[in-house]
């Protein structure tokens, strides 16, 4: 009728090429300091075990790469690391989370009960994808804006299609075209906004965002070196903020 593995049988260790082993080491080091203590220790132990089973030639190759190439993916604060532990537990056990969330759109924080789905680390910040019971839709939350995080005793039923539908709905429908002064272009490209789409030439860059507020703060940092060509909503937002700034320093302007 076929074959089956006997209970307790295990396969021999995988054989890695020097480059494969080196990439595993570099990858583990890249995430080692953006996770919580438990995973940080797991990464350290995994690296020790990997190095122990490598042949001498491969071990020397990996050690040389370690000395000559490093990737620093950021650093998770102790506060965020504690949140990671709770949120990971919530994701695995399907338990909702109660939290106080600070949003730049509102002056006061709001109380939220959310159903956690996944954690993502990008732009040096951890983000939580969760179904927000207050808004009745999937939302993304930055961990550094979360206070008072508590796991609830109840459980929820995960809808794997919910996140996919949410991602499809998050279309970057606002196209923003900006002309930058020649002297600032190099630095704009070096620290370009996450919504960057294309370089149209003649100093004009094109971006795509979900809403004007996603790009206005970034544009303001370039001051008069950045001129918004379109859309009018972003031009108006920049003009309004510039007007408020000018009023704030009106006394200095008179001198």
C-alpha atoms as a PDB file:
ATOM      1  CA  UNK A   1       0.000   0.000   0.000  1.00  0.00           C
ATOM      2  CA  UNK A   2       3.017   2.336  -0.005  1.00  0.00           C
ATOM      3  CA  UNK A   3       5.565   3.647   2.458  1.00  0.00           C
ATOM      4  CA  UNK A   4       5.429   5.702   5.626  1.00  0.00           C
ATOM      5  CA  UNK A   5       8.009   7.105   7.998  1.00  0.00           C
ATOM      6  CA  UNK A   6       8.333   5.336  11.336  1.00  0.00           C
ATOM      7  CA  UNK A   7       7.488   7.356  14.439  1.00  0.00           C
ATOM      8  CA  UNK A   8      10.523   9.240  15.679  1.00  0.00           C
ATOM      9  CA  UNK A   9      12.315   9.097  12.336  1.00  0.00           C
ATOM     10  CA  UNK A  10      13.946  12.319  11.212  1.00  0.00           C
ATOM     11  CA  UNK A  11      15.750  13.480   8.108  1.00  0.00           C
ATOM     12  CA  UNK A  12      19.453  14.404   8.250  1.00  0.00           C
ATOM     13  CA  UNK A  13      20.325  18.117   8.470  1.00  0.00           C
ATOM     14  CA  UNK A  14      20.006  20.098   5.259  1.00  0.00           C
ATOM     15  CA  UNK A  15      23.220  20.919   3.469  1.00  0.00           C
ATOM     16  CA  UNK A  16      23.635  24.622   2.754  1.00  0.00           C
ATOM     17  CA  UNK A  17      26.045  26.177   0.297  1.00  0.00           C
ATOM     18  CA  UNK A  18      28.272  28.884   1.798  1.00  0.00           C
ATOM     19  CA  UNK A  19      26.173  31.615   0.145  1.00  0.00           C
ATOM     20  CA  UNK A  20      22.890  30.082   1.356  1.00  0.00           C
ATOM     21  CA  UNK A  21      24.201  29.858   4.922  1.00  0.00           C
ATOM     22  CA  UNK A  22      25.539  33.412   4.732  1.00  0.00           C
ATOM     23  CA  UNK A  23      22.161  34.764   3.634  1.00  0.00           C
ATOM     24  CA  UNK A  24      20.422  32.993   6.524  1.00  0.00           C
ATOM     25  CA  UNK A  25      22.887  34.555   8.954  1.00  0.00           C
ATOM     26  CA  UNK A  26      22.552  38.041   7.460  1.00  0.00           C
ATOM     27  CA  UNK A  27      18.744  37.725   7.407  1.00  0.00           C
ATOM     28  CA  UNK A  28      18.577  36.660  11.043  1.00  0.00           C
ATOM     29  CA  UNK A  29      20.833  39.514  12.070  1.00  0.00           C
ATOM     30  CA  UNK A  30      18.691  42.005  10.130  1.00  0.00           C
ATOM     31  CA  UNK A  31      15.565  41.218  12.174  1.00  0.00           C
ATOM     32  CA  UNK A  32      17.228  40.339  15.454  1.00  0.00           C
ATOM     33  CA  UNK A  33      16.720  43.726  17.074  1.00  0.00           C
ATOM     34  CA  UNK A  34      13.267  44.611  15.773  1.00  0.00           C
ATOM     35  CA  UNK A  35      11.517  41.708  17.511  1.00  0.00           C
ATOM     36  CA  UNK A  36      10.797  40.969  21.156  1.00  0.00           C
ATOM     37  CA  UNK A  37      13.234  39.298  23.558  1.00  0.00           C
ATOM     38  CA  UNK A  38      11.934  35.749  23.010  1.00  0.00           C
ATOM     39  CA  UNK A  39      12.392  35.910  19.244  1.00  0.00           C
ATOM     40  CA  UNK A  40      15.701  37.728  19.658  1.00  0.00           C
ATOM     41  CA  UNK A  41      17.007  34.830  21.741  1.00  0.00           C
ATOM     42  CA  UNK A  42      15.585  32.346  19.238  1.00  0.00           C
ATOM     43  CA  UNK A  43      17.461  34.120  16.432  1.00  0.00           C
ATOM     44  CA  UNK A  44      20.690  34.029  18.440  1.00  0.00           C
ATOM     45  CA  UNK A  45      20.332  30.298  19.151  1.00  0.00           C
ATOM     46  CA  UNK A  46      19.455  29.549  15.522  1.00  0.00           C
ATOM     47  CA  UNK A  47      22.609  31.356  14.383  1.00  0.00           C
ATOM     48  CA  UNK A  48      24.743  29.373  16.830  1.00  0.00           C
ATOM     49  CA  UNK A  49      23.242  26.068  15.690  1.00  0.00           C
ATOM     50  CA  UNK A  50      23.704  26.954  12.035  1.00  0.00           C
ATOM     51  CA  UNK A  51      27.329  27.896  12.556  1.00  0.00           C
ATOM     52  CA  UNK A  52      27.968  24.702  14.552  1.00  0.00           C
ATOM     53  CA  UNK A  53      26.866  22.363  11.740  1.00  0.00           C
ATOM     54  CA  UNK A  54      28.624  24.195   8.908  1.00  0.00           C
ATOM     55  CA  UNK A  55      31.781  22.686   7.410  1.00  0.00           C
ATOM     56  CA  UNK A  56      34.952  24.678   8.186  1.00  0.00           C
ATOM     57  CA  UNK A  57      35.130  26.267   4.711  1.00  0.00           C
ATOM     58  CA  UNK A  58      31.513  27.413   4.850  1.00  0.00           C
ATOM     59  CA  UNK A  59      31.934  28.650   8.413  1.00  0.00           C
ATOM     60  CA  UNK A  60      34.892  30.802   7.395  1.00  0.00           C
ATOM     61  CA  UNK A  61      32.913  32.181   4.451  1.00  0.00           C
ATOM     62  CA  UNK A  62      29.995  33.111   6.705  1.00  0.00           C
ATOM     63  CA  UNK A  63      32.251  34.684   9.324  1.00  0.00           C
ATOM     64  CA  UNK A  64      34.035  36.757   6.674  1.00  0.00           C
ATOM     65  CA  UNK A  65      30.698  37.965   5.281  1.00  0.00           C
ATOM     66  CA  UNK A  66      29.562  38.811   8.811  1.00  0.00           C
ATOM     67  CA  UNK A  67      32.641  40.965   9.289  1.00  0.00           C
ATOM     68  CA  UNK A  68      32.287  42.716   5.923  1.00  0.00           C
ATOM     69  CA  UNK A  69      28.525  43.204   5.497  1.00  0.00           C
ATOM     70  CA  UNK A  70      25.902  44.182   8.050  1.00  0.00           C
ATOM     71  CA  UNK A  71      22.227  45.010   7.741  1.00  0.00           C
ATOM     72  CA  UNK A  72      20.610  47.078  10.481  1.00  0.00           C
ATOM     73  CA  UNK A  73      16.835  46.881  10.233  1.00  0.00           C
ATOM     74  CA  UNK A  74      16.136  49.231  13.112  1.00  0.00           C
ATOM     75  CA  UNK A  75      15.455  48.729  16.799  1.00  0.00           C
ATOM     76  CA  UNK A  76      12.264  47.845  18.650  1.00  0.00           C
ATOM     77  CA  UNK A  77      11.824  49.706  21.926  1.00  0.00           C
ATOM     78  CA  UNK A  78      11.035  47.732  25.054  1.00  0.00           C
ATOM     79  CA  UNK A  79       7.500  49.131  24.934  1.00  0.00           C
ATOM     80  CA  UNK A  80       6.937  48.004  21.344  1.00  0.00           C
ATOM     81  CA  UNK A  81       8.546  44.638  22.082  1.00  0.00           C
ATOM     82  CA  UNK A  82       5.978  44.053  24.843  1.00  0.00           C
ATOM     83  CA  UNK A  83       3.192  44.969  22.415  1.00  0.00           C
ATOM     84  CA  UNK A  84       4.586  42.486  19.904  1.00  0.00           C
ATOM     85  CA  UNK A  85       4.317  39.668  22.426  1.00  0.00           C
ATOM     86  CA  UNK A  86       0.662  40.461  23.201  1.00  0.00           C
ATOM     87  CA  UNK A  87      -0.305  40.992  19.574  1.00  0.00           C
ATOM     88  CA  UNK A  88       1.406  37.806  18.438  1.00  0.00           C
ATOM     89  CA  UNK A  89      -0.563  35.925  21.085  1.00  0.00           C
ATOM     90  CA  UNK A  90      -3.750  37.614  19.905  1.00  0.00           C
ATOM     91  CA  UNK A  91      -3.082  36.629  16.288  1.00  0.00           C
ATOM     92  CA  UNK A  92      -2.274  32.998  17.100  1.00  0.00           C
ATOM     93  CA  UNK A  93      -5.089  32.474  19.620  1.00  0.00           C
ATOM     94  CA  UNK A  94      -7.664  34.569  17.705  1.00  0.00           C
ATOM     95  CA  UNK A  95      -8.251  36.905  20.637  1.00  0.00           C
ATOM     96  CA  UNK A  96      -9.297  40.546  20.182  1.00  0.00           C
ATOM     97  CA  UNK A  97      -7.243  43.402  21.565  1.00  0.00           C
ATOM     98  CA  UNK A  98      -8.439  46.493  23.391  1.00  0.00           C
ATOM     99  CA  UNK A  99      -6.200  49.511  22.948  1.00  0.00           C
ATOM    100  CA  UNK A 100      -5.980  53.274  23.098  1.00  0.00           C
ATOM    101  CA  UNK A 101      -4.900  54.637  19.739  1.00  0.00           C
ATOM    102  CA  UNK A 102      -3.416  58.036  18.905  1.00  0.00           C
ATOM    103  CA  UNK A 103      -4.113  59.262  15.378  1.00  0.00           C
ATOM    104  CA  UNK A 104      -2.707  62.460  13.839  1.00  0.00           C
ATOM    105  CA  UNK A 105      -6.219  63.168  12.520  1.00  0.00           C
ATOM    106  CA  UNK A 106      -7.680  63.618  16.013  1.00  0.00           C
ATOM    107  CA  UNK A 107      -6.506  65.531  19.074  1.00  0.00           C
ATOM    108  CA  UNK A 108      -7.620  62.920  21.613  1.00  0.00           C
ATOM    109  CA  UNK A 109      -6.867  59.176  21.518  1.00  0.00           C
ATOM    110  CA  UNK A 110      -9.714  56.746  20.846  1.00  0.00           C
ATOM    111  CA  UNK A 111     -10.552  53.433  22.500  1.00  0.00           C
ATOM    112  CA  UNK A 112     -10.549  50.562  20.010  1.00  0.00           C
ATOM    113  CA  UNK A 113     -11.379  46.876  20.118  1.00  0.00           C
ATOM    114  CA  UNK A 114      -9.662  45.216  17.176  1.00  0.00           C
ATOM    115  CA  UNK A 115      -9.233  41.696  15.812  1.00  0.00           C
ATOM    116  CA  UNK A 116      -5.517  41.295  14.996  1.00  0.00           C
ATOM    117  CA  UNK A 117      -4.582  39.638  11.690  1.00  0.00           C
ATOM    118  CA  UNK A 118      -0.928  40.316  10.934  1.00  0.00           C
ATOM    119  CA  UNK A 119       2.173  42.312  11.862  1.00  0.00           C
ATOM    120  CA  UNK A 120       4.399  44.062   9.362  1.00  0.00           C
ATOM    121  CA  UNK A 121       7.677  45.886   9.817  1.00  0.00           C
ATOM    122  CA  UNK A 122       8.523  48.588   7.322  1.00  0.00           C
ATOM    123  CA  UNK A 123       9.909  52.131   7.344  1.00  0.00           C
ATOM    124  CA  UNK A 124      11.486  51.267  10.723  1.00  0.00           C
ATOM    125  CA  UNK A 125       8.103  50.859  12.439  1.00  0.00           C
ATOM    126  CA  UNK A 126       5.924  47.858  13.296  1.00  0.00           C
ATOM    127  CA  UNK A 127       2.376  47.993  11.905  1.00  0.00           C
ATOM    128  CA  UNK A 128      -0.676  45.952  12.870  1.00  0.00           C
ATOM    129  CA  UNK A 129      -3.318  44.920  10.338  1.00  0.00           C
ATOM    130  CA  UNK A 130      -6.564  44.387  12.225  1.00  0.00           C
ATOM    131  CA  UNK A 131     -10.336  44.510  11.875  1.00  0.00           C
ATOM    132  CA  UNK A 132     -11.477  47.567  13.800  1.00  0.00           C
ATOM    133  CA  UNK A 133     -14.834  46.996  15.474  1.00  0.00           C
ATOM    134  CA  UNK A 134     -15.299  50.749  15.864  1.00  0.00           C
ATOM    135  CA  UNK A 135     -14.897  51.503  12.148  1.00  0.00           C
ATOM    136  CA  UNK A 136     -16.203  48.100  10.980  1.00  0.00           C
ATOM    137  CA  UNK A 137     -13.381  47.641   8.503  1.00  0.00           C
ATOM    138  CA  UNK A 138      -9.763  46.574   8.249  1.00  0.00           C
ATOM    139  CA  UNK A 139      -7.328  49.210   9.443  1.00  0.00           C
ATOM    140  CA  UNK A 140      -3.579  49.538   9.823  1.00  0.00           C
ATOM    141  CA  UNK A 141      -2.197  50.732  13.182  1.00  0.00           C
ATOM    142  CA  UNK A 142       1.323  51.822  14.075  1.00  0.00           C
ATOM    143  CA  UNK A 143       2.534  50.165  17.259  1.00  0.00           C
ATOM    144  CA  UNK A 144       4.208  53.334  18.514  1.00  0.00           C
ATOM    145  CA  UNK A 145       0.781  55.032  18.506  1.00  0.00           C
ATOM    146  CA  UNK A 146      -0.830  52.329  20.658  1.00  0.00           C
ATOM    147  CA  UNK A 147      -1.204  52.717  24.431  1.00  0.00           C
ATOM    148  CA  UNK A 148      -2.855  50.496  27.028  1.00  0.00           C
ATOM    149  CA  UNK A 149      -2.933  47.315  24.966  1.00  0.00           C
ATOM    150  CA  UNK A 150      -4.914  44.459  26.569  1.00  0.00           C
ATOM    151  CA  UNK A 151      -5.848  40.997  25.283  1.00  0.00           C
ATOM    152  CA  UNK A 152      -9.536  40.166  25.706  1.00  0.00           C
ATOM    153  CA  UNK A 153     -10.736  36.775  26.906  1.00  0.00           C
ATOM    154  CA  UNK A 154     -13.138  36.184  24.028  1.00  0.00           C
ATOM    155  CA  UNK A 155     -12.175  34.806  20.615  1.00  0.00           C
ATOM    156  CA  UNK A 156     -13.051  35.822  17.064  1.00  0.00           C
ATOM    157  CA  UNK A 157     -13.412  33.970  13.769  1.00  0.00           C
ATOM    158  CA  UNK A 158     -10.748  34.961  11.287  1.00  0.00           C
ATOM    159  CA  UNK A 159     -11.931  35.855   7.776  1.00  0.00           C
ATOM    160  CA  UNK A 160      -8.961  35.266   5.473  1.00  0.00           C
ATOM    161  CA  UNK A 161     -10.702  37.069   2.606  1.00  0.00           C
ATOM    162  CA  UNK A 162     -11.188  40.210   4.662  1.00  0.00           C
ATOM    163  CA  UNK A 163      -7.590  41.366   4.461  1.00  0.00           C
ATOM    164  CA  UNK A 164      -7.346  40.627   0.750  1.00  0.00           C
ATOM    165  CA  UNK A 165     -10.475  42.652   0.046  1.00  0.00           C
ATOM    166  CA  UNK A 166      -9.102  45.454   2.209  1.00  0.00           C
ATOM    167  CA  UNK A 167      -5.815  45.541   0.296  1.00  0.00           C
ATOM    168  CA  UNK A 168      -7.639  45.729  -3.010  1.00  0.00           C
ATOM    169  CA  UNK A 169      -9.754  48.607  -1.702  1.00  0.00           C
ATOM    170  CA  UNK A 170      -6.722  50.575  -0.540  1.00  0.00           C
ATOM    171  CA  UNK A 171      -6.108  52.040  -3.949  1.00  0.00           C
ATOM    172  CA  UNK A 172      -3.720  54.942  -4.236  1.00  0.00           C
ATOM    173  CA  UNK A 173      -6.130  56.972  -6.314  1.00  0.00           C
ATOM    174  CA  UNK A 174      -4.676  60.426  -5.554  1.00  0.00           C
ATOM    175  CA  UNK A 175      -1.985  61.184  -8.149  1.00  0.00           C
ATOM    176  CA  UNK A 176       0.373  63.959  -7.043  1.00  0.00           C
ATOM    177  CA  UNK A 177       2.832  65.652  -9.392  1.00  0.00           C
ATOM    178  CA  UNK A 178       5.530  67.836  -7.872  1.00  0.00           C
ATOM    179  CA  UNK A 179       8.288  69.930  -9.426  1.00  0.00           C
ATOM    180  CA  UNK A 180      11.440  70.125  -7.311  1.00  0.00           C
ATOM    181  CA  UNK A 181      14.223  72.683  -7.557  1.00  0.00           C
ATOM    182  CA  UNK A 182      17.399  71.262  -9.184  1.00  0.00           C
ATOM    183  CA  UNK A 183      19.418  71.698  -6.011  1.00  0.00           C
ATOM    184  CA  UNK A 184      17.074  69.518  -3.969  1.00  0.00           C
ATOM    185  CA  UNK A 185      16.406  66.708  -6.468  1.00  0.00           C
ATOM    186  CA  UNK A 186      19.290  64.521  -5.340  1.00  0.00           C
ATOM    187  CA  UNK A 187      18.170  64.650  -1.715  1.00  0.00           C
ATOM    188  CA  UNK A 188      14.519  64.130  -2.628  1.00  0.00           C
ATOM    189  CA  UNK A 189      15.459  60.961  -4.508  1.00  0.00           C
ATOM    190  CA  UNK A 190      17.576  59.843  -1.562  1.00  0.00           C
ATOM    191  CA  UNK A 191      14.689  60.228   0.914  1.00  0.00           C
ATOM    192  CA  UNK A 192      11.779  59.835  -1.450  1.00  0.00           C
ATOM    193  CA  UNK A 193       8.243  59.345  -0.255  1.00  0.00           C
ATOM    194  CA  UNK A 194       6.778  55.827  -0.114  1.00  0.00           C
ATOM    195  CA  UNK A 195       4.158  56.821  -2.687  1.00  0.00           C
ATOM    196  CA  UNK A 196       6.774  57.517  -5.374  1.00  0.00           C
ATOM    197  CA  UNK A 197       5.755  56.241  -8.831  1.00  0.00           C
ATOM    198  CA  UNK A 198       7.963  57.780 -11.497  1.00  0.00           C
ATOM    199  CA  UNK A 199      10.436  60.488 -12.464  1.00  0.00           C
ATOM    200  CA  UNK A 200       8.912  62.424 -15.371  1.00  0.00           C
ATOM    201  CA  UNK A 201      12.011  64.476 -16.037  1.00  0.00           C
ATOM    202  CA  UNK A 202      12.571  68.230 -15.790  1.00  0.00           C
ATOM    203  CA  UNK A 203      12.473  67.931 -11.985  1.00  0.00           C
ATOM    204  CA  UNK A 204       8.914  66.540 -11.875  1.00  0.00           C
ATOM    205  CA  UNK A 205       8.207  63.455  -9.771  1.00  0.00           C
ATOM    206  CA  UNK A 206       4.898  61.608  -9.646  1.00  0.00           C
ATOM    207  CA  UNK A 207       3.420  60.022  -6.519  1.00  0.00           C
ATOM    208  CA  UNK A 208       0.281  58.024  -5.780  1.00  0.00           C
ATOM    209  CA  UNK A 209      -1.339  58.081  -2.323  1.00  0.00           C
ATOM    210  CA  UNK A 210      -4.688  57.243  -0.783  1.00  0.00           C
ATOM    211  CA  UNK A 211      -5.402  60.796   0.403  1.00  0.00           C
ATOM    212  CA  UNK A 212      -3.687  64.216   0.381  1.00  0.00           C
ATOM    213  CA  UNK A 213      -2.778  63.961   4.090  1.00  0.00           C
ATOM    214  CA  UNK A 214      -0.473  61.039   3.234  1.00  0.00           C
ATOM    215  CA  UNK A 215       2.000  63.287   1.437  1.00  0.00           C
ATOM    216  CA  UNK A 216       1.469  66.872   2.663  1.00  0.00           C
ATOM    217  CA  UNK A 217       3.776  66.618   5.746  1.00  0.00           C
ATOM    218  CA  UNK A 218       6.556  65.114   3.616  1.00  0.00           C
ATOM    219  CA  UNK A 219       6.199  67.856   0.995  1.00  0.00           C
ATOM    220  CA  UNK A 220       6.360  70.598   3.627  1.00  0.00           C
ATOM    221  CA  UNK A 221       9.824  69.502   4.679  1.00  0.00           C
ATOM    222  CA  UNK A 222      11.152  70.635   1.269  1.00  0.00           C
ATOM    223  CA  UNK A 223       9.720  74.155   1.653  1.00  0.00           C
ATOM    224  CA  UNK A 224       9.860  76.363  -1.420  1.00  0.00           C
ATOM    225  CA  UNK A 225      11.980  73.757  -3.229  1.00  0.00           C
ATOM    226  CA  UNK A 226       8.806  71.760  -3.954  1.00  0.00           C
ATOM    227  CA  UNK A 227       5.933  73.078  -6.065  1.00  0.00           C
ATOM    228  CA  UNK A 228       2.817  70.912  -6.292  1.00  0.00           C
ATOM    229  CA  UNK A 229       1.536  70.898  -9.875  1.00  0.00           C
ATOM    230  CA  UNK A 230      -1.542  68.802  -9.151  1.00  0.00           C
ATOM    231  CA  UNK A 231      -4.027  67.998  -7.687  1.00  0.00           C
ATOM    232  CA  UNK A 232      -5.692  71.139  -6.379  1.00  0.00           C
ATOM    233  CA  UNK A 233      -6.531  69.448  -3.067  1.00  0.00           C
ATOM    234  CA  UNK A 234      -2.835  68.985  -2.251  1.00  0.00           C
ATOM    235  CA  UNK A 235      -1.994  72.502  -3.462  1.00  0.00           C
ATOM    236  CA  UNK A 236      -4.700  73.898  -1.177  1.00  0.00           C
ATOM    237  CA  UNK A 237      -3.466  71.864   1.796  1.00  0.00           C
ATOM    238  CA  UNK A 238       0.117  73.091   1.301  1.00  0.00           C
ATOM    239  CA  UNK A 239      -1.042  76.693   0.838  1.00  0.00           C
ATOM    240  CA  UNK A 240      -3.207  76.561   3.950  1.00  0.00           C
ATOM    241  CA  UNK A 241      -0.376  75.227   6.097  1.00  0.00           C
ATOM    242  CA  UNK A 242       2.054  77.776   4.659  1.00  0.00           C
ATOM    243  CA  UNK A 243      -0.421  80.547   5.494  1.00  0.00           C
ATOM    244  CA  UNK A 244      -0.710  79.337   9.090  1.00  0.00           C
ATOM    245  CA  UNK A 245       3.079  79.191   9.397  1.00  0.00           C
ATOM    246  CA  UNK A 246       3.413  82.719   7.987  1.00  0.00           C
ATOM    247  CA  UNK A 247       0.865  84.029  10.492  1.00  0.00           C
ATOM    248  CA  UNK A 248       2.776  82.350  13.306  1.00  0.00           C
ATOM    249  CA  UNK A 249       5.939  84.229  12.349  1.00  0.00           C
ATOM    250  CA  UNK A 250       4.294  87.448  11.160  1.00  0.00           C
ATOM    251  CA  UNK A 251       6.114  89.520  13.792  1.00  0.00           C
ATOM    252  CA  UNK A 252       9.465  88.277  12.546  1.00  0.00           C
ATOM    253  CA  UNK A 253       8.462  88.990   8.952  1.00  0.00           C
ATOM    254  CA  UNK A 254       7.688  92.624   9.797  1.00  0.00           C
ATOM    255  CA  UNK A 255      11.249  93.076  10.980  1.00  0.00           C
END
